[in-house]
C-alpha atoms as a PDB file:
ATOM      1  CA  UNK A   1      90.517  88.497  83.443  1.00  0.00           C
ATOM      2  CA  UNK A   2      89.486  90.852  86.263  1.00  0.00           C
ATOM      3  CA  UNK A   3      90.717  94.403  86.579  1.00  0.00           C
ATOM      4  CA  UNK A   4      94.024  94.600  88.410  1.00  0.00           C
ATOM      5  CA  UNK A   5      95.768  97.523  90.004  1.00  0.00           C
ATOM      6  CA  UNK A   6      98.854  98.375  91.950  1.00  0.00           C
ATOM      7  CA  UNK A   7      98.356 100.013  95.337  1.00  0.00           C
ATOM      8  CA  UNK A   8     100.990 101.504  97.588  1.00  0.00           C
ATOM      9  CA  UNK A   9     101.869 102.665 101.085  1.00  0.00           C
ATOM     10  CA  UNK A  10     103.993 105.615  99.991  1.00  0.00           C
ATOM     11  CA  UNK A  11     102.112 108.255 101.976  1.00  0.00           C
ATOM     12  CA  UNK A  12     102.249 106.210 105.174  1.00  0.00           C
ATOM     13  CA  UNK A  13     105.936 105.445 104.669  1.00  0.00           C
ATOM     14  CA  UNK A  14     106.783 109.104 104.031  1.00  0.00           C
ATOM     15  CA  UNK A  15     105.233 110.097 107.333  1.00  0.00           C
ATOM     16  CA  UNK A  16     106.978 107.320 109.231  1.00  0.00           C
ATOM     17  CA  UNK A  17     110.315 108.482 107.777  1.00  0.00           C
ATOM     18  CA  UNK A  18     110.596 111.875 109.492  1.00  0.00           C
ATOM     19  CA  UNK A  19     107.514 113.216 107.700  1.00  0.00           C
ATOM     20  CA  UNK A  20     109.335 113.220 104.359  1.00  0.00           C
ATOM     21  CA  UNK A  21     107.672 115.567 101.891  1.00  0.00           C
ATOM     22  CA  UNK A  22     106.527 114.546  98.444  1.00  0.00           C
ATOM     23  CA  UNK A  23     109.184 116.865  97.024  1.00  0.00           C
ATOM     24  CA  UNK A  24     111.957 115.235  99.085  1.00  0.00           C
ATOM     25  CA  UNK A  25     110.927 111.757  97.921  1.00  0.00           C
ATOM     26  CA  UNK A  26     110.664 112.950  94.324  1.00  0.00           C
ATOM     27  CA  UNK A  27     114.189 114.354  94.444  1.00  0.00           C
ATOM     28  CA  UNK A  28     115.584 111.156  95.985  1.00  0.00           C
ATOM     29  CA  UNK A  29     114.113 108.942  93.250  1.00  0.00           C
ATOM     30  CA  UNK A  30     114.479 111.324  90.296  1.00  0.00           C
ATOM     31  CA  UNK A  31     110.877 112.168  89.430  1.00  0.00           C
ATOM     32  CA  UNK A  32     108.601 115.179  89.834  1.00  0.00           C
ATOM     33  CA  UNK A  33     106.441 115.855  92.868  1.00  0.00           C
ATOM     34  CA  UNK A  34     103.419 115.452  90.576  1.00  0.00           C
ATOM     35  CA  UNK A  35     104.498 111.853  89.881  1.00  0.00           C
ATOM     36  CA  UNK A  36     104.576 111.116  93.626  1.00  0.00           C
ATOM     37  CA  UNK A  37     101.144 112.718  94.033  1.00  0.00           C
ATOM     38  CA  UNK A  38      99.720 110.612  91.183  1.00  0.00           C
ATOM     39  CA  UNK A  39     101.160 107.405  92.681  1.00  0.00           C
ATOM     40  CA  UNK A  40      99.786 108.176  96.148  1.00  0.00           C
ATOM     41  CA  UNK A  41      96.325 108.790  94.664  1.00  0.00           C
ATOM     42  CA  UNK A  42      96.498 105.524  92.718  1.00  0.00           C
ATOM     43  CA  UNK A  43      96.403 107.289  89.349  1.00  0.00           C
ATOM     44  CA  UNK A  44      99.854 106.130  88.258  1.00  0.00           C
ATOM     45  CA  UNK A  45     101.699 102.828  88.533  1.00  0.00           C
ATOM     46  CA  UNK A  46     105.463 103.266  88.537  1.00  0.00           C
ATOM     47  CA  UNK A  47     107.924 101.415  86.358  1.00  0.00           C
ATOM     48  CA  UNK A  48     109.648  98.488  88.009  1.00  0.00           C
ATOM     49  CA  UNK A  49     112.865 100.501  88.265  1.00  0.00           C
ATOM     50  CA  UNK A  50     111.101 103.426  89.981  1.00  0.00           C
ATOM     51  CA  UNK A  51     109.308 101.049  92.347  1.00  0.00           C
ATOM     52  CA  UNK A  52     112.661  99.586  93.426  1.00  0.00           C
ATOM     53  CA  UNK A  53     114.176 103.067  93.874  1.00  0.00           C
ATOM     54  CA  UNK A  54     111.274 104.076  96.120  1.00  0.00           C
ATOM     55  CA  UNK A  55     111.602 100.888  98.180  1.00  0.00           C
ATOM     56  CA  UNK A  56     115.338 101.572  98.610  1.00  0.00           C
ATOM     57  CA  UNK A  57     114.654 105.097  99.899  1.00  0.00           C
ATOM     58  CA  UNK A  58     112.416 103.623 102.590  1.00  0.00           C
ATOM     59  CA  UNK A  59     114.796 100.702 103.200  1.00  0.00           C
ATOM     60  CA  UNK A  60     111.804  98.403 102.802  1.00  0.00           C
ATOM     61  CA  UNK A  61     111.060  95.323 100.718  1.00  0.00           C
ATOM     62  CA  UNK A  62     109.152  96.093  97.536  1.00  0.00           C
ATOM     63  CA  UNK A  63     106.141  94.171  98.905  1.00  0.00           C
ATOM     64  CA  UNK A  64     105.877  96.584 101.863  1.00  0.00           C
ATOM     65  CA  UNK A  65     105.689  99.576  99.548  1.00  0.00           C
ATOM     66  CA  UNK A  66     103.590  98.195  96.677  1.00  0.00           C
ATOM     67  CA  UNK A  67     100.974  95.493  96.362  1.00  0.00           C
ATOM     68  CA  UNK A  68      99.178  94.015  93.406  1.00  0.00           C
ATOM     69  CA  UNK A  69      95.431  93.733  93.874  1.00  0.00           C
ATOM     70  CA  UNK A  70      93.218  91.750  91.538  1.00  0.00           C
ATOM     71  CA  UNK A  71      89.449  91.455  91.650  1.00  0.00           C
ATOM     72  CA  UNK A  72      89.677  87.791  90.712  1.00  0.00           C
ATOM     73  CA  UNK A  73      92.888  86.064  91.799  1.00  0.00           C
ATOM     74  CA  UNK A  74      91.989  82.896  89.867  1.00  0.00           C
ATOM     75  CA  UNK A  75      92.556  84.600  86.465  1.00  0.00           C
END
């Protein structure tokens, strides 16, 4: 099975929502600013619950915030 990873559009969405800071997003979803930084850099994949909370903050479908990328989709 190929390596898979979760990518996101959090940074882009923050800026399109009144230039929301990482701290503001962190407070809205109940995590630290460091967690938001790690997600934006692709170093951390959120739990399903956190992913839904983030999508709700942006009033966006989960698929617009996060995507699942696989090197080999046939696996």
